[in-house]
Each structure stands twice: as structure tokens, then as C-alpha cells.
Amino acid sequence: MLLIMVFLAFLDAVRDLTSIYHNGIMKDPRDFLKHKTNSELRTMLKGVKRISNLKKEELVEMVISYS
């Protein structure tokens, strides 16, 4: 009985560890930021000068570098 409970706890822990990978902890933050609009990215960079003429990729890189 004890062995079965230990085995079930082990399976639950393995399932939790594999779900972490699929739920987003290991995801690239660039993918998340690429779905934001340019104005949302600019508001994240409030106080930074010379961002009005940057492209989306440049804004994403700048948000990552400032965080």
C-alpha cells in the first residue's frame, strides 16, 4: 500500500514537471512581446528617449534589454 502511494506521488510530481514546460515557464519572452502592439511596447518603455521611430523588432529587443 505504501509503495503504491509513493509511486502515485512520483507520477504526480513528474506530471507537474512536464506541465511546467508546456504552460509557459520555458517560453521565449520575445514570442510574448511580439503579440503586443507597438503602442503597448512604447508604454512599457516610458521614459526612454528616441523610441518613436523604432520598428517592432527593435522595440521588443529594447524591452528585453531594459527588463
C-alpha atoms as a PDB file:
ATOM      1  CA  MET A   1       0.000   0.000   0.000  1.00  0.00           C
ATOM      2  CA  LEU A   2       2.794   2.403   0.898  1.00  0.00           C
ATOM      3  CA  LEU A   3       4.643   1.552  -2.307  1.00  0.00           C
ATOM      4  CA  ILE A   4       1.562   2.370  -4.377  1.00  0.00           C
ATOM      5  CA  MET A   5       1.162   5.742  -2.648  1.00  0.00           C
ATOM      6  CA  VAL A   6       4.835   6.591  -3.237  1.00  0.00           C
ATOM      7  CA  PHE A   7       4.523   5.582  -6.882  1.00  0.00           C
ATOM      8  CA  LEU A   8       1.422   7.748  -7.376  1.00  0.00           C
ATOM      9  CA  ALA A   9       3.135  10.713  -5.719  1.00  0.00           C
ATOM     10  CA  PHE A  10       6.129  10.216  -8.006  1.00  0.00           C
ATOM     11  CA  LEU A  11       3.909  10.140 -11.089  1.00  0.00           C
ATOM     12  CA  ASP A  12       2.137  13.281  -9.946  1.00  0.00           C
ATOM     13  CA  ALA A  13       5.475  15.072  -9.493  1.00  0.00           C
ATOM     14  CA  VAL A  14       6.658  14.009 -12.948  1.00  0.00           C
ATOM     15  CA  ARG A  15       3.397  15.183 -14.497  1.00  0.00           C
ATOM     16  CA  ASP A  16       3.746  18.557 -12.777  1.00  0.00           C
ATOM     17  CA  LEU A  17       7.304  18.960 -14.017  1.00  0.00           C
ATOM     18  CA  THR A  18       6.327  18.191 -17.602  1.00  0.00           C
ATOM     19  CA  SER A  19       3.362  20.569 -17.442  1.00  0.00           C
ATOM     20  CA  ILE A  20       5.668  23.431 -16.446  1.00  0.00           C
ATOM     21  CA  TYR A  21       7.384  23.171 -19.808  1.00  0.00           C
ATOM     22  CA  HIS A  22       4.120  23.312 -21.734  1.00  0.00           C
ATOM     23  CA  ASN A  23       2.473  26.030 -19.639  1.00  0.00           C
ATOM     24  CA  GLY A  24       4.999  28.732 -20.328  1.00  0.00           C
ATOM     25  CA  ILE A  25       7.881  28.966 -17.911  1.00  0.00           C
ATOM     26  CA  MET A  26      10.325  27.869 -20.598  1.00  0.00           C
ATOM     27  CA  LYS A  27       8.821  30.034 -23.372  1.00  0.00           C
ATOM     28  CA  ASP A  28      10.812  32.788 -25.020  1.00  0.00           C
ATOM     29  CA  PRO A  29       9.704  36.250 -23.842  1.00  0.00           C
ATOM     30  CA  ARG A  30      10.157  37.550 -27.395  1.00  0.00           C
ATOM     31  CA  ASP A  31       7.188  35.466 -28.545  1.00  0.00           C
ATOM     32  CA  PHE A  32       5.010  37.024 -25.859  1.00  0.00           C
ATOM     33  CA  LEU A  33       6.157  40.551 -26.720  1.00  0.00           C
ATOM     34  CA  LYS A  34       5.685  40.082 -30.470  1.00  0.00           C
ATOM     35  CA  HIS A  35       1.949  39.756 -29.892  1.00  0.00           C
ATOM     36  CA  LYS A  36       1.781  43.231 -28.322  1.00  0.00           C
ATOM     37  CA  THR A  37       1.186  46.333 -30.397  1.00  0.00           C
ATOM     38  CA  ASN A  38       3.834  48.990 -30.943  1.00  0.00           C
ATOM     39  CA  SER A  39       1.991  51.415 -28.679  1.00  0.00           C
ATOM     40  CA  GLU A  40       1.901  48.820 -25.871  1.00  0.00           C
ATOM     41  CA  LEU A  41       5.630  48.256 -26.271  1.00  0.00           C
ATOM     42  CA  ARG A  42       6.258  52.007 -26.195  1.00  0.00           C
ATOM     43  CA  THR A  43       4.285  52.357 -22.964  1.00  0.00           C
ATOM     44  CA  MET A  44       6.479  49.637 -21.460  1.00  0.00           C
ATOM     45  CA  LEU A  45       9.474  51.796 -22.417  1.00  0.00           C
ATOM     46  CA  LYS A  46       8.094  55.003 -20.935  1.00  0.00           C
ATOM     47  CA  GLY A  47      10.928  57.371 -20.083  1.00  0.00           C
ATOM     48  CA  VAL A  48      13.301  56.018 -22.740  1.00  0.00           C
ATOM     49  CA  LYS A  49      14.240  58.525 -25.415  1.00  0.00           C
ATOM     50  CA  ARG A  50      14.296  58.003 -29.190  1.00  0.00           C
ATOM     51  CA  ILE A  51      11.800  55.151 -29.406  1.00  0.00           C
ATOM     52  CA  SER A  52       9.259  56.817 -31.674  1.00  0.00           C
ATOM     53  CA  ASN A  53      10.922  55.691 -34.912  1.00  0.00           C
ATOM     54  CA  LEU A  54      11.842  52.138 -33.903  1.00  0.00           C
ATOM     55  CA  LYS A  55      10.419  49.054 -35.582  1.00  0.00           C
ATOM     56  CA  LYS A  56       8.613  46.349 -33.637  1.00  0.00           C
ATOM     57  CA  GLU A  57      11.632  44.021 -33.504  1.00  0.00           C
ATOM     58  CA  GLU A  58      13.785  46.841 -32.169  1.00  0.00           C
ATOM     59  CA  LEU A  59      11.186  47.700 -29.553  1.00  0.00           C
ATOM     60  CA  VAL A  60      10.998  44.062 -28.443  1.00  0.00           C
ATOM     61  CA  GLU A  61      14.781  43.893 -28.066  1.00  0.00           C
ATOM     62  CA  MET A  62      14.784  47.144 -26.124  1.00  0.00           C
ATOM     63  CA  VAL A  63      12.052  45.941 -23.727  1.00  0.00           C
ATOM     64  CA  ILE A  64      14.020  42.753 -23.097  1.00  0.00           C
ATOM     65  CA  SER A  65      17.245  44.649 -22.504  1.00  0.00           C
ATOM     66  CA  TYR A  66      15.581  47.044 -20.021  1.00  0.00           C
ATOM     67  CA  SER A  67      13.834  44.330 -18.026  1.00  0.00           C
END
